PDB file of all heavy atoms in Angstrom:
ATOM      1  N   HIS A   1      -6.207 -26.130  15.497  1.00  0.00           N
ATOM      2  CA  HIS A   1      -5.318 -25.455  16.454  1.00  0.00           C
ATOM      3  C   HIS A   1      -3.855 -25.947  16.391  1.00  0.00           C
ATOM      4  O   HIS A   1      -3.104 -25.713  17.333  1.00  0.00           O
ATOM      5  CB  HIS A   1      -5.830 -25.661  17.893  1.00  0.00           C
ATOM      6  CG  HIS A   1      -5.901 -27.108  18.317  1.00  0.00           C
ATOM      7  ND1 HIS A   1      -7.086 -27.723  18.617  1.00  0.00           N
ATOM      8  CD2 HIS A   1      -4.958 -28.055  18.492  1.00  0.00           C
ATOM      9  CE1 HIS A   1      -6.873 -28.972  18.961  1.00  0.00           C
ATOM     10  NE2 HIS A   1      -5.572 -29.188  18.887  1.00  0.00           N
ATOM     11  N   SER A   2      -3.445 -26.572  15.287  1.00  0.00           N
ATOM     12  CA  SER A   2      -2.073 -27.037  15.181  1.00  0.00           C
ATOM     13  C   SER A   2      -1.386 -26.389  13.983  1.00  0.00           C
ATOM     14  O   SER A   2      -2.006 -26.178  12.919  1.00  0.00           O
ATOM     15  CB  SER A   2      -2.023 -28.566  15.046  1.00  0.00           C
ATOM     16  OG  SER A   2      -2.449 -29.170  16.235  1.00  0.00           O
ATOM     17  N   PHE A   3      -0.091 -26.103  14.161  1.00  0.00           N
ATOM     18  CA  PHE A   3       0.651 -25.341  13.161  1.00  0.00           C
ATOM     19  C   PHE A   3       2.039 -25.973  12.976  1.00  0.00           C
ATOM     20  O   PHE A   3       2.544 -26.682  13.831  1.00  0.00           O
ATOM     21  CB  PHE A   3       0.805 -23.883  13.621  1.00  0.00           C
ATOM     22  CG  PHE A   3      -0.518 -23.201  13.853  1.00  0.00           C
ATOM     23  CD1 PHE A   3      -1.175 -23.324  15.068  1.00  0.00           C
ATOM     24  CD2 PHE A   3      -1.106 -22.443  12.853  1.00  0.00           C
ATOM     25  CE1 PHE A   3      -2.402 -22.712  15.288  1.00  0.00           C
ATOM     26  CE2 PHE A   3      -2.327 -21.823  13.065  1.00  0.00           C
ATOM     27  CZ  PHE A   3      -2.968 -21.942  14.276  1.00  0.00           C
ATOM     28  N   ILE A   4       2.652 -25.659  11.829  1.00  0.00           N
ATOM     29  CA  ILE A   4       4.006 -26.112  11.535  1.00  0.00           C
ATOM     30  C   ILE A   4       4.820 -24.917  11.082  1.00  0.00           C
ATOM     31  O   ILE A   4       4.322 -24.047  10.349  1.00  0.00           O
ATOM     32  CB  ILE A   4       3.990 -27.228  10.448  1.00  0.00           C
ATOM     33  CG1 ILE A   4       5.411 -27.740  10.199  1.00  0.00           C
ATOM     34  CG2 ILE A   4       3.358 -26.734   9.156  1.00  0.00           C
ATOM     35  CD1 ILE A   4       5.438 -28.992   9.303  1.00  0.00           C
ATOM     36  N   CYS A   5       6.059 -24.852  11.522  1.00  0.00           N
ATOM     37  CA  CYS A   5       6.945 -23.731  11.144  1.00  0.00           C
ATOM     38  C   CYS A   5       7.665 -24.124   9.868  1.00  0.00           C
ATOM     39  O   CYS A   5       8.433 -25.090   9.818  1.00  0.00           O
ATOM     40  CB  CYS A   5       7.943 -23.455  12.269  1.00  0.00           C
ATOM     41  SG  CYS A   5       8.890 -21.942  12.034  1.00  0.00           S
ATOM     42  N   VAL A   6       7.405 -23.373   8.819  1.00  0.00           N
ATOM     43  CA  VAL A   6       7.928 -23.670   7.481  1.00  0.00           C
ATOM     44  C   VAL A   6       8.898 -22.552   7.072  1.00  0.00           C
ATOM     45  O   VAL A   6       8.474 -21.423   6.822  1.00  0.00           O
ATOM     46  CB  VAL A   6       6.800 -23.796   6.432  1.00  0.00           C
ATOM     47  CG1 VAL A   6       7.378 -24.139   5.066  1.00  0.00           C
ATOM     48  CG2 VAL A   6       5.791 -24.859   6.878  1.00  0.00           C
ATOM     49  N   PRO A   7      10.199 -22.849   7.017  1.00  0.00           N
ATOM     50  CA  PRO A   7      11.190 -21.794   6.720  1.00  0.00           C
ATOM     51  C   PRO A   7      11.272 -21.479   5.239  1.00  0.00           C
ATOM     52  O   PRO A   7      12.281 -21.754   4.580  1.00  0.00           O
ATOM     53  CB  PRO A   7      12.493 -22.392   7.256  1.00  0.00           C
ATOM     54  CG  PRO A   7      12.305 -23.885   7.061  1.00  0.00           C
ATOM     55  CD  PRO A   7      10.844 -24.153   7.301  1.00  0.00           C
ATOM     56  N   ASP A   8      10.193 -20.935   4.675  1.00  0.00           N
ATOM     57  CA  ASP A   8      10.197 -20.591   3.246  1.00  0.00           C
ATOM     58  C   ASP A   8      10.215 -19.080   3.042  1.00  0.00           C
ATOM     59  O   ASP A   8       9.526 -18.542   2.191  1.00  0.00           O
ATOM     60  CB  ASP A   8       9.013 -21.236   2.517  1.00  0.00           C
ATOM     61  CG  ASP A   8       7.678 -20.820   3.108  1.00  0.00           C
ATOM     62  OD1 ASP A   8       7.661 -20.109   4.138  1.00  0.00           O
ATOM     63  OD2 ASP A   8       6.621 -21.151   2.533  1.00  0.00           O
ATOM     64  N   GLY A   9      11.019 -18.414   3.841  1.00  0.00           N
ATOM     65  CA  GLY A   9      11.150 -16.955   3.789  1.00  0.00           C
ATOM     66  C   GLY A   9      10.464 -16.292   4.958  1.00  0.00           C
ATOM     67  O   GLY A   9       9.410 -16.754   5.415  1.00  0.00           O
ATOM     68  N   ILE A  10      11.085 -15.249   5.480  1.00  0.00           N
ATOM     69  CA  ILE A  10      10.551 -14.532   6.640  1.00  0.00           C
ATOM     70  C   ILE A  10       9.953 -13.218   6.186  1.00  0.00           C
ATOM     71  O   ILE A  10      10.627 -12.403   5.530  1.00  0.00           O
ATOM     72  CB  ILE A  10      11.661 -14.295   7.686  1.00  0.00           C
ATOM     73  CG1 ILE A  10      12.131 -15.642   8.241  1.00  0.00           C
ATOM     74  CG2 ILE A  10      11.167 -13.394   8.813  1.00  0.00           C
ATOM     75  CD1 ILE A  10      13.321 -15.529   9.165  1.00  0.00           C
ATOM     76  N   ARG A  11       8.710 -12.992   6.535  1.00  0.00           N
ATOM     77  CA  ARG A  11       8.042 -11.735   6.205  1.00  0.00           C
ATOM     78  C   ARG A  11       8.411 -10.667   7.228  1.00  0.00           C
ATOM     79  O   ARG A  11       8.475 -10.935   8.430  1.00  0.00           O
ATOM     80  CB  ARG A  11       6.533 -11.960   6.192  1.00  0.00           C
ATOM     81  CG  ARG A  11       5.714 -10.709   5.876  1.00  0.00           C
ATOM     82  CD  ARG A  11       4.243 -11.015   5.827  1.00  0.00           C
ATOM     83  NE  ARG A  11       3.431  -9.822   5.638  1.00  0.00           N
ATOM     84  CZ  ARG A  11       2.105  -9.807   5.543  1.00  0.00           C
ATOM     85  NH1 ARG A  11       1.448 -10.958   5.618  1.00  0.00           N
ATOM     86  NH2 ARG A  11       1.450  -8.684   5.360  1.00  0.00           N
ATOM     87  N   PHE A  12       8.638  -9.443   6.737  1.00  0.00           N
ATOM     88  CA  PHE A  12       8.918  -8.338   7.654  1.00  0.00           C
ATOM     89  C   PHE A  12       8.348  -7.060   7.091  1.00  0.00           C
ATOM     90  O   PHE A  12       7.952  -6.962   5.920  1.00  0.00           O
ATOM     91  CB  PHE A  12      10.440  -8.182   7.880  1.00  0.00           C
ATOM     92  CG  PHE A  12      11.203  -7.692   6.684  1.00  0.00           C
ATOM     93  CD1 PHE A  12      11.399  -6.340   6.450  1.00  0.00           C
ATOM     94  CD2 PHE A  12      11.729  -8.587   5.757  1.00  0.00           C
ATOM     95  CE1 PHE A  12      12.085  -5.878   5.352  1.00  0.00           C
ATOM     96  CE2 PHE A  12      12.438  -8.140   4.656  1.00  0.00           C
ATOM     97  CZ  PHE A  12      12.614  -6.780   4.448  1.00  0.00           C
ATOM     98  N   CYS A  13       8.284  -6.041   7.923  1.00  0.00           N
ATOM     99  CA  CYS A  13       7.827  -4.734   7.475  1.00  0.00           C
ATOM    100  C   CYS A  13       8.416  -3.656   8.358  1.00  0.00           C
ATOM    101  O   CYS A  13       8.926  -3.917   9.447  1.00  0.00           O
ATOM    102  CB  CYS A  13       6.295  -4.631   7.470  1.00  0.00           C
ATOM    103  SG  CYS A  13       5.581  -4.459   9.124  1.00  0.00           S
ATOM    104  N   GLU A  14       8.363  -2.422   7.867  1.00  0.00           N
ATOM    105  CA  GLU A  14       8.778  -1.241   8.639  1.00  0.00           C
ATOM    106  C   GLU A  14       7.773  -0.134   8.418  1.00  0.00           C
ATOM    107  O   GLU A  14       7.226   0.016   7.316  1.00  0.00           O
ATOM    108  CB  GLU A  14      10.158  -0.728   8.187  1.00  0.00           C
ATOM    109  CG  GLU A  14      11.313  -1.662   8.506  1.00  0.00           C
ATOM    110  CD  GLU A  14      12.611  -1.112   7.958  1.00  0.00           C
ATOM    111  OE1 GLU A  14      12.618  -0.076   7.300  1.00  0.00           O
ATOM    112  OE2 GLU A  14      13.653  -1.789   8.179  1.00  0.00           O
ATOM    113  N   ALA A  15       7.529   0.619   9.462  1.00  0.00           N
ATOM    114  CA  ALA A  15       6.743   1.858   9.333  1.00  0.00           C
ATOM    115  C   ALA A  15       7.528   2.948  10.058  1.00  0.00           C
ATOM    116  O   ALA A  15       8.088   2.715  11.123  1.00  0.00           O
ATOM    117  CB  ALA A  15       5.354   1.706   9.958  1.00  0.00           C
ATOM    118  N   GLU A  16       7.554   4.135   9.457  1.00  0.00           N
ATOM    119  CA  GLU A  16       8.278   5.239  10.114  1.00  0.00           C
ATOM    120  C   GLU A  16       7.537   6.542   9.832  1.00  0.00           C
ATOM    121  O   GLU A  16       6.897   6.710   8.797  1.00  0.00           O
ATOM    122  CB  GLU A  16       9.730   5.313   9.623  1.00  0.00           C
ATOM    123  CG  GLU A  16       9.920   5.546   8.155  1.00  0.00           C
ATOM    124  CD  GLU A  16      11.400   5.644   7.771  1.00  0.00           C
ATOM    125  OE1 GLU A  16      12.242   5.041   8.465  1.00  0.00           O
ATOM    126  OE2 GLU A  16      11.676   6.324   6.775  1.00  0.00           O
ATOM    127  N   GLN A  17       7.671   7.427  10.813  1.00  0.00           N
ATOM    128  CA  GLN A  17       6.980   8.703  10.692  1.00  0.00           C
ATOM    129  C   GLN A  17       7.720   9.779  11.441  1.00  0.00           C
ATOM    130  O   GLN A  17       8.179   9.567  12.577  1.00  0.00           O
ATOM    131  CB  GLN A  17       5.549   8.584  11.222  1.00  0.00           C
ATOM    132  CG  GLN A  17       4.714   9.837  11.012  1.00  0.00           C
ATOM    133  CD  GLN A  17       3.269   9.645  11.373  1.00  0.00           C
ATOM    134  OE1 GLN A  17       2.912   8.690  12.075  1.00  0.00           O
ATOM    135  NE2 GLN A  17       2.380  10.532  10.914  1.00  0.00           N
ATOM    136  N   CYS A  18       7.849  10.944  10.821  1.00  0.00           N
ATOM    137  CA  CYS A  18       8.306  12.140  11.494  1.00  0.00           C
ATOM    138  C   CYS A  18       7.097  12.981  11.842  1.00  0.00           C
ATOM    139  O   CYS A  18       6.088  12.951  11.139  1.00  0.00           O
ATOM    140  CB  CYS A  18       9.245  12.962  10.595  1.00  0.00           C
ATOM    141  SG  CYS A  18      10.873  12.224  10.333  1.00  0.00           S
ATOM    142  N   ARG A  19       7.187  13.700  12.940  1.00  0.00           N
ATOM    143  CA  ARG A  19       6.079  14.571  13.330  1.00  0.00           C
ATOM    144  C   ARG A  19       5.789  15.572  12.204  1.00  0.00           C
ATOM    145  O   ARG A  19       6.705  16.177  11.639  1.00  0.00           O
ATOM    146  CB  ARG A  19       6.391  15.289  14.642  1.00  0.00           C
ATOM    147  CG  ARG A  19       5.206  16.049  15.198  1.00  0.00           C
ATOM    148  CD  ARG A  19       5.409  16.411  16.669  1.00  0.00           C
ATOM    149  NE  ARG A  19       5.473  15.234  17.520  1.00  0.00           N
ATOM    150  CZ  ARG A  19       4.408  14.543  17.958  1.00  0.00           C
ATOM    151  NH1 ARG A  19       3.185  14.920  17.558  1.00  0.00           N
ATOM    152  NH2 ARG A  19       4.554  13.509  18.739  1.00  0.00           N
ATOM    153  N   ASN A  20       4.547  15.704  11.856  1.00  0.00           N
ATOM    154  CA  ASN A  20       4.082  16.557  10.754  1.00  0.00           C
ATOM    155  C   ASN A  20       4.537  16.051   9.385  1.00  0.00           C
ATOM    156  O   ASN A  20       4.464  16.791   8.395  1.00  0.00           O
ATOM    157  CB  ASN A  20       4.565  18.010  10.941  1.00  0.00           C
ATOM    158  CG  ASN A  20       4.048  18.610  12.235  1.00  0.00           C
ATOM    159  OD1 ASN A  20       2.921  18.368  12.656  1.00  0.00           O
ATOM    160  ND2 ASN A  20       4.901  19.392  12.906  1.00  0.00           N
ATOM    161  N   GLY A  21       4.968  14.807   9.339  1.00  0.00           N
ATOM    162  CA  GLY A  21       5.382  14.205   8.055  1.00  0.00           C
ATOM    163  C   GLY A  21       4.514  13.012   7.713  1.00  0.00           C
ATOM    164  O   GLY A  21       3.713  12.541   8.534  1.00  0.00           O
ATOM    165  N   PRO A  22       4.663  12.485   6.504  1.00  0.00           N
ATOM    166  CA  PRO A  22       3.836  11.338   6.090  1.00  0.00           C
ATOM    167  C   PRO A  22       4.268  10.041   6.780  1.00  0.00           C
ATOM    168  O   PRO A  22       5.445   9.886   7.164  1.00  0.00           O
ATOM    169  CB  PRO A  22       4.100  11.253   4.587  1.00  0.00           C
ATOM    170  CG  PRO A  22       5.479  11.839   4.416  1.00  0.00           C
ATOM    171  CD  PRO A  22       5.591  12.910   5.446  1.00  0.00           C
ATOM    172  N   LEU A  23       3.341   9.152   6.940  1.00  0.00           N
ATOM    173  CA  LEU A  23       3.636   7.806   7.446  1.00  0.00           C
ATOM    174  C   LEU A  23       4.084   6.953   6.285  1.00  0.00           C
ATOM    175  O   LEU A  23       3.351   6.801   5.293  1.00  0.00           O
ATOM    176  CB  LEU A  23       2.378   7.210   8.100  1.00  0.00           C
ATOM    177  CG  LEU A  23       2.488   5.771   8.580  1.00  0.00           C
ATOM    178  CD1 LEU A  23       3.538   5.630   9.680  1.00  0.00           C
ATOM    179  CD2 LEU A  23       1.139   5.269   9.082  1.00  0.00           C
ATOM    180  N   LEU A  24       5.300   6.419   6.343  1.00  0.00           N
ATOM    181  CA  LEU A  24       5.877   5.614   5.280  1.00  0.00           C
ATOM    182  C   LEU A  24       5.895   4.157   5.662  1.00  0.00           C
ATOM    183  O   LEU A  24       6.206   3.824   6.824  1.00  0.00           O
ATOM    184  CB  LEU A  24       7.292   6.090   4.949  1.00  0.00           C
ATOM    185  CG  LEU A  24       7.442   7.571   4.544  1.00  0.00           C
ATOM    186  CD1 LEU A  24       8.928   7.897   4.283  1.00  0.00           C
ATOM    187  CD2 LEU A  24       6.605   7.885   3.331  1.00  0.00           C
ATOM    188  N   VAL A  25       5.538   3.297   4.727  1.00  0.00           N
ATOM    189  CA  VAL A  25       5.466   1.852   5.024  1.00  0.00           C
ATOM    190  C   VAL A  25       6.322   1.100   4.015  1.00  0.00           C
ATOM    191  O   VAL A  25       6.276   1.352   2.801  1.00  0.00           O
ATOM    192  CB  VAL A  25       4.001   1.361   4.931  1.00  0.00           C
ATOM    193  CG1 VAL A  25       3.947  -0.126   5.231  1.00  0.00           C
ATOM    194  CG2 VAL A  25       3.131   2.126   5.946  1.00  0.00           C
ATOM    195  N   PHE A  26       7.125   0.163   4.541  1.00  0.00           N
ATOM    196  CA  PHE A  26       7.951  -0.722   3.737  1.00  0.00           C
ATOM    197  C   PHE A  26       7.615  -2.147   4.138  1.00  0.00           C
ATOM    198  O   PHE A  26       7.176  -2.404   5.260  1.00  0.00           O
ATOM    199  CB  PHE A  26       9.453  -0.471   3.994  1.00  0.00           C
ATOM    200  CG  PHE A  26       9.863   0.959   3.833  1.00  0.00           C
ATOM    201  CD1 PHE A  26       9.719   1.869   4.878  1.00  0.00           C
ATOM    202  CD2 PHE A  26      10.412   1.413   2.640  1.00  0.00           C
ATOM    203  CE1 PHE A  26      10.100   3.191   4.740  1.00  0.00           C
ATOM    204  CE2 PHE A  26      10.805   2.724   2.481  1.00  0.00           C
ATOM    205  CZ  PHE A  26      10.654   3.625   3.545  1.00  0.00           C
ATOM    206  N   ALA A  27       7.823  -3.072   3.226  1.00  0.00           N
ATOM    207  CA  ALA A  27       7.588  -4.489   3.548  1.00  0.00           C
ATOM    208  C   ALA A  27       8.594  -5.317   2.770  1.00  0.00           C
ATOM    209  O   ALA A  27       9.305  -4.803   1.890  1.00  0.00           O
ATOM    210  CB  ALA A  27       6.165  -4.898   3.199  1.00  0.00           C
ATOM    211  N   GLY A  28       8.688  -6.593   3.135  1.00  0.00           N
ATOM    212  CA  GLY A  28       9.650  -7.418   2.413  1.00  0.00           C
ATOM    213  C   GLY A  28       9.642  -8.862   2.869  1.00  0.00           C
ATOM    214  O   GLY A  28       8.869  -9.295   3.709  1.00  0.00           O
TER     215      GLY A  28
END
């Protein structure tokens, strides 16, 4: 139950969708 914060890059993502359009996913 113990953790350490390691600043070796921050993970992120995006998801976006228009009505009647495809769901698009980005990450980085």
